[in-house]
């Protein structure tokens, strides 16, 4: 059985593509190394103390990861989405 890919098609939800993308992200961009590389761009959320990258720094973080790990910026963006929370409107108590 062969799969023919049409030009211009994007991800269509096949489970093996999703799993392959997750695995390649982990292999090319290991979370401990990415966290270390972005240490100065990250901050902790006020309530849960989880790491996040403020929206104002996300493009810089993406470019840094892409350059440092020699990956496509899209790959870096996907991995950052997996590893770091996007800004939420948490309030301090």
PDB file of N, CA and C in Angstrom:
ATOM      1  N   UNK A   1       0.837  -1.163   0.000  1.00  0.00           N
ATOM      2  CA  UNK A   1       0.000   0.000   0.000  1.00  0.00           C
ATOM      3  C   UNK A   1       0.891   1.239   0.000  1.00  0.00           C
ATOM      4  N   UNK A   2       0.643   2.144  -0.892  1.00  0.00           N
ATOM      5  CA  UNK A   2       1.419   3.387  -0.937  1.00  0.00           C
ATOM      6  C   UNK A   2       0.488   4.566  -0.735  1.00  0.00           C
ATOM      7  N   UNK A   3       1.051   5.610  -0.173  1.00  0.00           N
ATOM      8  CA  UNK A   3       0.298   6.829   0.054  1.00  0.00           C
ATOM      9  C   UNK A   3       0.864   7.916  -0.832  1.00  0.00           C
ATOM     10  N   UNK A   4       0.010   8.477  -1.622  1.00  0.00           N
ATOM     11  CA  UNK A   4       0.432   9.551  -2.517  1.00  0.00           C
ATOM     12  C   UNK A   4       0.072  10.883  -1.866  1.00  0.00           C
ATOM     13  N   UNK A   5       1.054  11.744  -1.761  1.00  0.00           N
ATOM     14  CA  UNK A   5       0.831  13.039  -1.153  1.00  0.00           C
ATOM     15  C   UNK A   5       0.611  14.078  -2.226  1.00  0.00           C
ATOM     16  N   UNK A   6      -0.500  14.758  -2.124  1.00  0.00           N
ATOM     17  CA  UNK A   6      -0.784  15.814  -3.074  1.00  0.00           C
ATOM     18  C   UNK A   6      -0.023  17.065  -2.692  1.00  0.00           C
ATOM     19  N   UNK A   7       0.405  17.804  -3.678  1.00  0.00           N
ATOM     20  CA  UNK A   7       1.144  19.035  -3.447  1.00  0.00           C
ATOM     21  C   UNK A   7       0.263  20.047  -2.708  1.00  0.00           C
ATOM     22  N   UNK A   8       0.832  20.675  -1.675  1.00  0.00           N
ATOM     23  CA  UNK A   8       0.115  21.699  -0.944  1.00  0.00           C
ATOM     24  C   UNK A   8      -0.790  21.183   0.162  1.00  0.00           C
ATOM     25  N   UNK A   9      -0.875  19.889   0.356  1.00  0.00           N
ATOM     26  CA  UNK A   9      -1.707  19.346   1.433  1.00  0.00           C
ATOM     27  C   UNK A   9      -0.997  19.496   2.758  1.00  0.00           C
ATOM     28  N   UNK A  10      -1.748  19.719   3.780  1.00  0.00           N
ATOM     29  CA  UNK A  10      -1.171  19.825   5.115  1.00  0.00           C
ATOM     30  C   UNK A  10      -1.510  18.565   5.903  1.00  0.00           C
ATOM     31  N   UNK A  11      -1.122  18.566   7.150  1.00  0.00           N
ATOM     32  CA  UNK A  11      -1.385  17.431   8.033  1.00  0.00           C
ATOM     33  C   UNK A  11      -2.875  17.118   8.051  1.00  0.00           C
ATOM     34  N   UNK A  12      -3.204  15.857   7.823  1.00  0.00           N
ATOM     35  CA  UNK A  12      -4.616  15.478   7.737  1.00  0.00           C
ATOM     36  C   UNK A  12      -5.084  14.616   8.903  1.00  0.00           C
ATOM     37  N   UNK A  13      -4.301  14.558   9.976  1.00  0.00           N
ATOM     38  CA  UNK A  13      -4.747  13.870  11.178  1.00  0.00           C
ATOM     39  C   UNK A  13      -4.367  12.405  11.283  1.00  0.00           C
ATOM     40  N   UNK A  14      -3.524  11.924  10.413  1.00  0.00           N
ATOM     41  CA  UNK A  14      -3.115  10.516  10.519  1.00  0.00           C
ATOM     42  C   UNK A  14      -2.295  10.321  11.789  1.00  0.00           C
ATOM     43  N   UNK A  15      -2.637   9.300  12.550  1.00  0.00           N
ATOM     44  CA  UNK A  15      -2.010   9.110  13.843  1.00  0.00           C
ATOM     45  C   UNK A  15      -0.508   8.908  13.728  1.00  0.00           C
ATOM     46  N   UNK A  16      -0.024   8.229  12.712  1.00  0.00           N
ATOM     47  CA  UNK A  16       1.410   7.961  12.612  1.00  0.00           C
ATOM     48  C   UNK A  16       2.196   9.241  12.296  1.00  0.00           C
ATOM     49  N   UNK A  17       1.573  10.166  11.585  1.00  0.00           N
ATOM     50  CA  UNK A  17       2.252  11.437  11.334  1.00  0.00           C
ATOM     51  C   UNK A  17       2.355  12.242  12.619  1.00  0.00           C
ATOM     52  N   UNK A  18       1.298  12.223  13.388  1.00  0.00           N
ATOM     53  CA  UNK A  18       1.312  12.924  14.674  1.00  0.00           C
ATOM     54  C   UNK A  18       2.400  12.342  15.582  1.00  0.00           C
ATOM     55  N   UNK A  19       2.438  11.013  15.684  1.00  0.00           N
ATOM     56  CA  UNK A  19       3.435  10.354  16.530  1.00  0.00           C
ATOM     57  C   UNK A  19       4.851  10.619  16.028  1.00  0.00           C
ATOM     58  N   UNK A  20       5.044  10.587  14.724  1.00  0.00           N
ATOM     59  CA  UNK A  20       6.367  10.859  14.152  1.00  0.00           C
ATOM     60  C   UNK A  20       6.799  12.289  14.461  1.00  0.00           C
ATOM     61  N   UNK A  21       5.875  13.234  14.341  1.00  0.00           N
ATOM     62  CA  UNK A  21       6.202  14.624  14.650  1.00  0.00           C
ATOM     63  C   UNK A  21       6.560  14.813  16.119  1.00  0.00           C
ATOM     64  N   UNK A  22       5.835  14.158  16.996  1.00  0.00           N
ATOM     65  CA  UNK A  22       6.140  14.247  18.432  1.00  0.00           C
ATOM     66  C   UNK A  22       7.513  13.651  18.736  1.00  0.00           C
ATOM     67  N   UNK A  23       7.807  12.524  18.124  1.00  0.00           N
ATOM     68  CA  UNK A  23       9.086  11.865  18.376  1.00  0.00           C
ATOM     69  C   UNK A  23      10.243  12.697  17.841  1.00  0.00           C
ATOM     70  N   UNK A  24      10.107  13.220  16.638  1.00  0.00           N
ATOM     71  CA  UNK A  24      11.195  13.984  16.052  1.00  0.00           C
ATOM     72  C   UNK A  24      11.440  15.263  16.852  1.00  0.00           C
ATOM     73  N   UNK A  25      10.363  15.860  17.368  1.00  0.00           N
ATOM     74  CA  UNK A  25      10.525  17.038  18.218  1.00  0.00           C
ATOM     75  C   UNK A  25      11.312  16.721  19.473  1.00  0.00           C
ATOM     76  N   UNK A  26      11.018  15.582  20.088  1.00  0.00           N
ATOM     77  CA  UNK A  26      11.734  15.167  21.294  1.00  0.00           C
ATOM     78  C   UNK A  26      13.197  14.841  21.007  1.00  0.00           C
ATOM     79  N   UNK A  27      13.438  14.251  19.858  1.00  0.00           N
ATOM     80  CA  UNK A  27      14.817  13.902  19.512  1.00  0.00           C
ATOM     81  C   UNK A  27      15.656  15.121  19.136  1.00  0.00           C
ATOM     82  N   UNK A  28      15.081  16.001  18.331  1.00  0.00           N
ATOM     83  CA  UNK A  28      15.828  17.169  17.866  1.00  0.00           C
ATOM     84  C   UNK A  28      15.889  18.290  18.897  1.00  0.00           C
ATOM     85  N   UNK A  29      14.868  18.368  19.730  1.00  0.00           N
ATOM     86  CA  UNK A  29      14.769  19.461  20.699  1.00  0.00           C
ATOM     87  C   UNK A  29      14.432  18.910  22.087  1.00  0.00           C
ATOM     88  N   UNK A  30      15.400  18.266  22.749  1.00  0.00           N
ATOM     89  CA  UNK A  30      15.130  17.691  24.073  1.00  0.00           C
ATOM     90  C   UNK A  30      14.725  18.780  25.069  1.00  0.00           C
ATOM     91  N   UNK A  31      13.687  18.522  25.823  1.00  0.00           N
ATOM     92  CA  UNK A  31      13.138  19.544  26.714  1.00  0.00           C
ATOM     93  C   UNK A  31      14.150  20.123  27.707  1.00  0.00           C
ATOM     94  N   UNK A  32      15.043  19.319  28.316  1.00  0.00           N
ATOM     95  CA  UNK A  32      16.006  19.939  29.244  1.00  0.00           C
ATOM     96  C   UNK A  32      16.933  20.941  28.551  1.00  0.00           C
ATOM     97  N   UNK A  33      17.347  20.637  27.335  1.00  0.00           N
ATOM     98  CA  UNK A  33      18.244  21.538  26.621  1.00  0.00           C
ATOM     99  C   UNK A  33      17.522  22.787  26.125  1.00  0.00           C
ATOM    100  N   UNK A  34      16.295  22.622  25.678  1.00  0.00           N
ATOM    101  CA  UNK A  34      15.512  23.774  25.225  1.00  0.00           C
ATOM    102  C   UNK A  34      15.229  24.691  26.413  1.00  0.00           C
ATOM    103  N   UNK A  35      14.859  24.116  27.544  1.00  0.00           N
ATOM    104  CA  UNK A  35      14.600  24.917  28.741  1.00  0.00           C
ATOM    105  C   UNK A  35      15.840  25.679  29.175  1.00  0.00           C
ATOM    106  N   UNK A  36      16.978  25.030  29.128  1.00  0.00           N
ATOM    107  CA  UNK A  36      18.233  25.679  29.491  1.00  0.00           C
ATOM    108  C   UNK A  36      18.556  26.819  28.522  1.00  0.00           C
ATOM    109  N   UNK A  37      18.348  26.581  27.244  1.00  0.00           N
ATOM    110  CA  UNK A  37      18.645  27.595  26.229  1.00  0.00           C
ATOM    111  C   UNK A  37      17.742  28.820  26.370  1.00  0.00           C
ATOM    112  N   UNK A  38      16.532  28.612  26.856  1.00  0.00           N
ATOM    113  CA  UNK A  38      15.565  29.708  26.940  1.00  0.00           C
ATOM    114  C   UNK A  38      15.374  30.235  28.358  1.00  0.00           C
ATOM    115  N   UNK A  39      16.253  29.852  29.240  1.00  0.00           N
ATOM    116  CA  UNK A  39      16.137  30.209  30.652  1.00  0.00           C
ATOM    117  C   UNK A  39      15.899  31.709  30.873  1.00  0.00           C
ATOM    118  N   UNK A  40      16.615  32.538  30.148  1.00  0.00           N
ATOM    119  CA  UNK A  40      16.503  33.984  30.350  1.00  0.00           C
ATOM    120  C   UNK A  40      15.239  34.583  29.729  1.00  0.00           C
ATOM    121  N   UNK A  41      14.598  33.858  28.821  1.00  0.00           N
ATOM    122  CA  UNK A  41      13.379  34.360  28.187  1.00  0.00           C
ATOM    123  C   UNK A  41      12.113  33.894  28.904  1.00  0.00           C
ATOM    124  N   UNK A  42      12.257  32.915  29.783  1.00  0.00           N
ATOM    125  CA  UNK A  42      11.106  32.338  30.478  1.00  0.00           C
ATOM    126  C   UNK A  42      10.803  33.083  31.763  1.00  0.00           C
ATOM    127  N   UNK A  43       9.576  32.914  32.193  1.00  0.00           N
ATOM    128  CA  UNK A  43       9.172  33.394  33.511  1.00  0.00           C
ATOM    129  C   UNK A  43       8.209  32.371  34.091  1.00  0.00           C
ATOM    130  N   UNK A  44       8.001  32.432  35.395  1.00  0.00           N
ATOM    131  CA  UNK A  44       7.078  31.509  36.042  1.00  0.00           C
ATOM    132  C   UNK A  44       5.711  32.160  36.192  1.00  0.00           C
ATOM    133  N   UNK A  45       4.680  31.339  36.039  1.00  0.00           N
ATOM    134  CA  UNK A  45       3.332  31.855  36.227  1.00  0.00           C
ATOM    135  C   UNK A  45       3.143  32.180  37.705  1.00  0.00           C
ATOM    136  N   UNK A  46       2.347  33.193  38.028  1.00  0.00           N
ATOM    137  CA  UNK A  46       2.208  33.628  39.417  1.00  0.00           C
ATOM    138  C   UNK A  46       1.626  32.573  40.352  1.00  0.00           C
ATOM    139  N   UNK A  47       0.654  31.817  39.901  1.00  0.00           N
ATOM    140  CA  UNK A  47      -0.028  30.890  40.793  1.00  0.00           C
ATOM    141  C   UNK A  47       0.618  29.510  40.795  1.00  0.00           C
ATOM    142  N   UNK A  48       0.797  28.933  39.606  1.00  0.00           N
ATOM    143  CA  UNK A  48       1.279  27.548  39.529  1.00  0.00           C
ATOM    144  C   UNK A  48       2.788  27.426  39.417  1.00  0.00           C
ATOM    145  N   UNK A  49       3.457  28.540  39.150  1.00  0.00           N
ATOM    146  CA  UNK A  49       4.911  28.565  39.019  1.00  0.00           C
ATOM    147  C   UNK A  49       5.438  27.720  37.858  1.00  0.00           C
ATOM    148  N   UNK A  50       4.590  27.490  36.853  1.00  0.00           N
ATOM    149  CA  UNK A  50       5.038  26.788  35.652  1.00  0.00           C
ATOM    150  C   UNK A  50       5.756  27.769  34.740  1.00  0.00           C
ATOM    151  N   UNK A  51       6.701  27.238  33.950  1.00  0.00           N
ATOM    152  CA  UNK A  51       7.425  28.098  33.023  1.00  0.00           C
ATOM    153  C   UNK A  51       6.545  28.481  31.847  1.00  0.00           C
ATOM    154  N   UNK A  52       6.672  29.715  31.430  1.00  0.00           N
ATOM    155  CA  UNK A  52       6.001  30.187  30.231  1.00  0.00           C
ATOM    156  C   UNK A  52       6.916  31.187  29.543  1.00  0.00           C
ATOM    157  N   UNK A  53       6.631  31.391  28.277  1.00  0.00           N
ATOM    158  CA  UNK A  53       7.351  32.402  27.512  1.00  0.00           C
ATOM    159  C   UNK A  53       6.332  33.486  27.193  1.00  0.00           C
ATOM    160  N   UNK A  54       6.551  34.710  27.662  1.00  0.00           N
ATOM    161  CA  UNK A  54       5.613  35.782  27.348  1.00  0.00           C
ATOM    162  C   UNK A  54       5.486  35.967  25.835  1.00  0.00           C
ATOM    163  N   UNK A  55       4.302  36.366  25.401  1.00  0.00           N
ATOM    164  CA  UNK A  55       4.042  36.550  23.968  1.00  0.00           C
ATOM    165  C   UNK A  55       5.058  37.496  23.329  1.00  0.00           C
ATOM    166  N   UNK A  56       5.477  38.493  24.058  1.00  0.00           N
ATOM    167  CA  UNK A  56       6.425  39.462  23.512  1.00  0.00           C
ATOM    168  C   UNK A  56       7.802  38.858  23.242  1.00  0.00           C
ATOM    169  N   UNK A  57       8.069  37.676  23.802  1.00  0.00           N
ATOM    170  CA  UNK A  57       9.372  37.019  23.623  1.00  0.00           C
ATOM    171  C   UNK A  57       9.308  35.737  22.808  1.00  0.00           C
ATOM    172  N   UNK A  58       8.111  35.319  22.404  1.00  0.00           N
ATOM    173  CA  UNK A  58       7.967  34.020  21.725  1.00  0.00           C
ATOM    174  C   UNK A  58       8.691  33.970  20.386  1.00  0.00           C
ATOM    175  N   UNK A  59       8.609  35.009  19.589  1.00  0.00           N
ATOM    176  CA  UNK A  59       9.298  34.982  18.294  1.00  0.00           C
ATOM    177  C   UNK A  59      10.808  34.935  18.479  1.00  0.00           C
ATOM    178  N   UNK A  60      11.308  35.671  19.462  1.00  0.00           N
ATOM    179  CA  UNK A  60      12.745  35.634  19.749  1.00  0.00           C
ATOM    180  C   UNK A  60      13.149  34.232  20.229  1.00  0.00           C
ATOM    181  N   UNK A  61      12.327  33.620  21.079  1.00  0.00           N
ATOM    182  CA  UNK A  61      12.599  32.268  21.565  1.00  0.00           C
ATOM    183  C   UNK A  61      12.588  31.267  20.412  1.00  0.00           C
ATOM    184  N   UNK A  62      11.612  31.400  19.529  1.00  0.00           N
ATOM    185  CA  UNK A  62      11.518  30.508  18.365  1.00  0.00           C
ATOM    186  C   UNK A  62      12.759  30.634  17.490  1.00  0.00           C
ATOM    187  N   UNK A  63      13.177  31.853  17.214  1.00  0.00           N
ATOM    188  CA  UNK A  63      14.361  32.074  16.374  1.00  0.00           C
ATOM    189  C   UNK A  63      15.614  31.532  17.044  1.00  0.00           C
ATOM    190  N   UNK A  64      15.724  31.729  18.349  1.00  0.00           N
ATOM    191  CA  UNK A  64      16.887  31.236  19.090  1.00  0.00           C
ATOM    192  C   UNK A  64      16.969  29.714  19.037  1.00  0.00           C
ATOM    193  N   UNK A  65      15.846  29.059  19.290  1.00  0.00           N
ATOM    194  CA  UNK A  65      15.808  27.589  19.261  1.00  0.00           C
ATOM    195  C   UNK A  65      16.104  27.068  17.856  1.00  0.00           C
ATOM    196  N   UNK A  66      15.494  27.668  16.856  1.00  0.00           N
ATOM    197  CA  UNK A  66      15.726  27.234  15.472  1.00  0.00           C
ATOM    198  C   UNK A  66      17.196  27.364  15.094  1.00  0.00           C
ATOM    199  N   UNK A  67      17.804  28.464  15.478  1.00  0.00           N
ATOM    200  CA  UNK A  67      19.221  28.689  15.155  1.00  0.00           C
ATOM    201  C   UNK A  67      20.136  27.770  15.954  1.00  0.00           C
ATOM    202  N   UNK A  68      19.911  27.695  17.243  1.00  0.00           N
ATOM    203  CA  UNK A  68      20.775  26.903  18.122  1.00  0.00           C
ATOM    204  C   UNK A  68      20.731  25.408  17.797  1.00  0.00           C
ATOM    205  N   UNK A  69      19.537  24.889  17.515  1.00  0.00           N
ATOM    206  CA  UNK A  69      19.371  23.462  17.263  1.00  0.00           C
ATOM    207  C   UNK A  69      19.334  23.120  15.777  1.00  0.00           C
ATOM    208  N   UNK A  70      19.489  24.145  14.930  1.00  0.00           N
ATOM    209  CA  UNK A  70      19.530  23.944  13.478  1.00  0.00           C
ATOM    210  C   UNK A  70      18.291  23.221  12.954  1.00  0.00           C
ATOM    211  N   UNK A  71      17.117  23.732  13.342  1.00  0.00           N
ATOM    212  CA  UNK A  71      15.851  23.177  12.866  1.00  0.00           C
ATOM    213  C   UNK A  71      15.052  24.288  12.199  1.00  0.00           C
ATOM    214  N   UNK A  72      14.055  23.899  11.463  1.00  0.00           N
ATOM    215  CA  UNK A  72      13.154  24.844  10.818  1.00  0.00           C
ATOM    216  C   UNK A  72      12.401  25.621  11.900  1.00  0.00           C
ATOM    217  N   UNK A  73      12.170  26.929  11.710  1.00  0.00           N
ATOM    218  CA  UNK A  73      11.433  27.700  12.714  1.00  0.00           C
ATOM    219  C   UNK A  73      10.049  27.136  13.046  1.00  0.00           C
ATOM    220  N   UNK A  74       9.409  26.492  12.100  1.00  0.00           N
ATOM    221  CA  UNK A  74       8.101  25.873  12.370  1.00  0.00           C
ATOM    222  C   UNK A  74       8.246  24.734  13.369  1.00  0.00           C
ATOM    223  N   UNK A  75       9.306  23.943  13.223  1.00  0.00           N
ATOM    224  CA  UNK A  75       9.569  22.853  14.168  1.00  0.00           C
ATOM    225  C   UNK A  75       9.806  23.437  15.553  1.00  0.00           C
ATOM    226  N   UNK A  76      10.574  24.511  15.623  1.00  0.00           N
ATOM    227  CA  UNK A  76      10.834  25.173  16.904  1.00  0.00           C
ATOM    228  C   UNK A  76       9.539  25.692  17.518  1.00  0.00           C
ATOM    229  N   UNK A  77       8.682  26.285  16.707  1.00  0.00           N
ATOM    230  CA  UNK A  77       7.414  26.824  17.203  1.00  0.00           C
ATOM    231  C   UNK A  77       6.530  25.715  17.777  1.00  0.00           C
ATOM    232  N   UNK A  78       6.446  24.606  17.070  1.00  0.00           N
ATOM    233  CA  UNK A  78       5.631  23.480  17.542  1.00  0.00           C
ATOM    234  C   UNK A  78       6.163  22.957  18.868  1.00  0.00           C
ATOM    235  N   UNK A  79       7.465  22.831  18.973  1.00  0.00           N
ATOM    236  CA  UNK A  79       8.060  22.315  20.213  1.00  0.00           C
ATOM    237  C   UNK A  79       7.839  23.295  21.364  1.00  0.00           C
ATOM    238  N   UNK A  80       7.943  24.584  21.106  1.00  0.00           N
ATOM    239  CA  UNK A  80       7.700  25.572  22.152  1.00  0.00           C
ATOM    240  C   UNK A  80       6.256  25.500  22.640  1.00  0.00           C
ATOM    241  N   UNK A  81       5.335  25.239  21.732  1.00  0.00           N
ATOM    242  CA  UNK A  81       3.928  25.095  22.122  1.00  0.00           C
ATOM    243  C   UNK A  81       3.736  23.890  23.032  1.00  0.00           C
ATOM    244  N   UNK A  82       4.508  22.838  22.782  1.00  0.00           N
ATOM    245  CA  UNK A  82       4.409  21.635  23.612  1.00  0.00           C
ATOM    246  C   UNK A  82       5.019  21.841  24.993  1.00  0.00           C
ATOM    247  N   UNK A  83       6.102  22.601  25.062  1.00  0.00           N
ATOM    248  CA  UNK A  83       6.868  22.700  26.303  1.00  0.00           C
ATOM    249  C   UNK A  83       6.495  23.867  27.205  1.00  0.00           C
ATOM    250  N   UNK A  84       6.036  24.965  26.632  1.00  0.00           N
ATOM    251  CA  UNK A  84       5.823  26.172  27.427  1.00  0.00           C
ATOM    252  C   UNK A  84       4.400  26.688  27.271  1.00  0.00           C
ATOM    253  N   UNK A  85       3.807  27.029  28.393  1.00  0.00           N
ATOM    254  CA  UNK A  85       2.472  27.582  28.394  1.00  0.00           C
ATOM    255  C   UNK A  85       2.438  28.910  27.655  1.00  0.00           C
ATOM    256  N   UNK A  86       1.326  29.173  27.040  1.00  0.00           N
ATOM    257  CA  UNK A  86       1.094  30.513  26.491  1.00  0.00           C
ATOM    258  C   UNK A  86       0.575  31.365  27.637  1.00  0.00           C
ATOM    259  N   UNK A  87       0.719  32.663  27.498  1.00  0.00           N
ATOM    260  CA  UNK A  87       0.283  33.554  28.564  1.00  0.00           C
ATOM    261  C   UNK A  87      -1.195  33.379  28.852  1.00  0.00           C
ATOM    262  N   UNK A  88      -1.508  33.320  30.104  1.00  0.00           N
ATOM    263  CA  UNK A  88      -2.899  33.316  30.541  1.00  0.00           C
ATOM    264  C   UNK A  88      -3.077  34.477  31.494  1.00  0.00           C
ATOM    265  N   UNK A  89      -4.259  34.725  31.840  1.00  0.00           N
ATOM    266  CA  UNK A  89      -4.546  35.868  32.719  1.00  0.00           C
ATOM    267  C   UNK A  89      -4.678  35.414  34.171  1.00  0.00           C
ATOM    268  N   UNK A  90      -3.673  34.689  34.669  1.00  0.00           N
ATOM    269  CA  UNK A  90      -3.687  34.294  36.059  1.00  0.00           C
ATOM    270  C   UNK A  90      -3.536  35.518  36.944  1.00  0.00           C
ATOM    271  N   UNK A  91      -4.177  35.493  38.054  1.00  0.00           N
ATOM    272  CA  UNK A  91      -4.039  36.594  39.001  1.00  0.00           C
ATOM    273  C   UNK A  91      -3.359  36.079  40.252  1.00  0.00           C
ATOM    274  N   UNK A  92      -2.545  36.937  40.831  1.00  0.00           N
ATOM    275  CA  UNK A  92      -1.887  36.569  42.084  1.00  0.00           C
ATOM    276  C   UNK A  92      -2.889  36.663  43.218  1.00  0.00           C
ATOM    277  N   UNK A  93      -2.740  35.782  44.199  1.00  0.00           N
ATOM    278  CA  UNK A  93      -3.617  35.803  45.367  1.00  0.00           C
ATOM    279  C   UNK A  93      -2.914  36.477  46.513  1.00  0.00           C
TER     280      UNK A  93
END
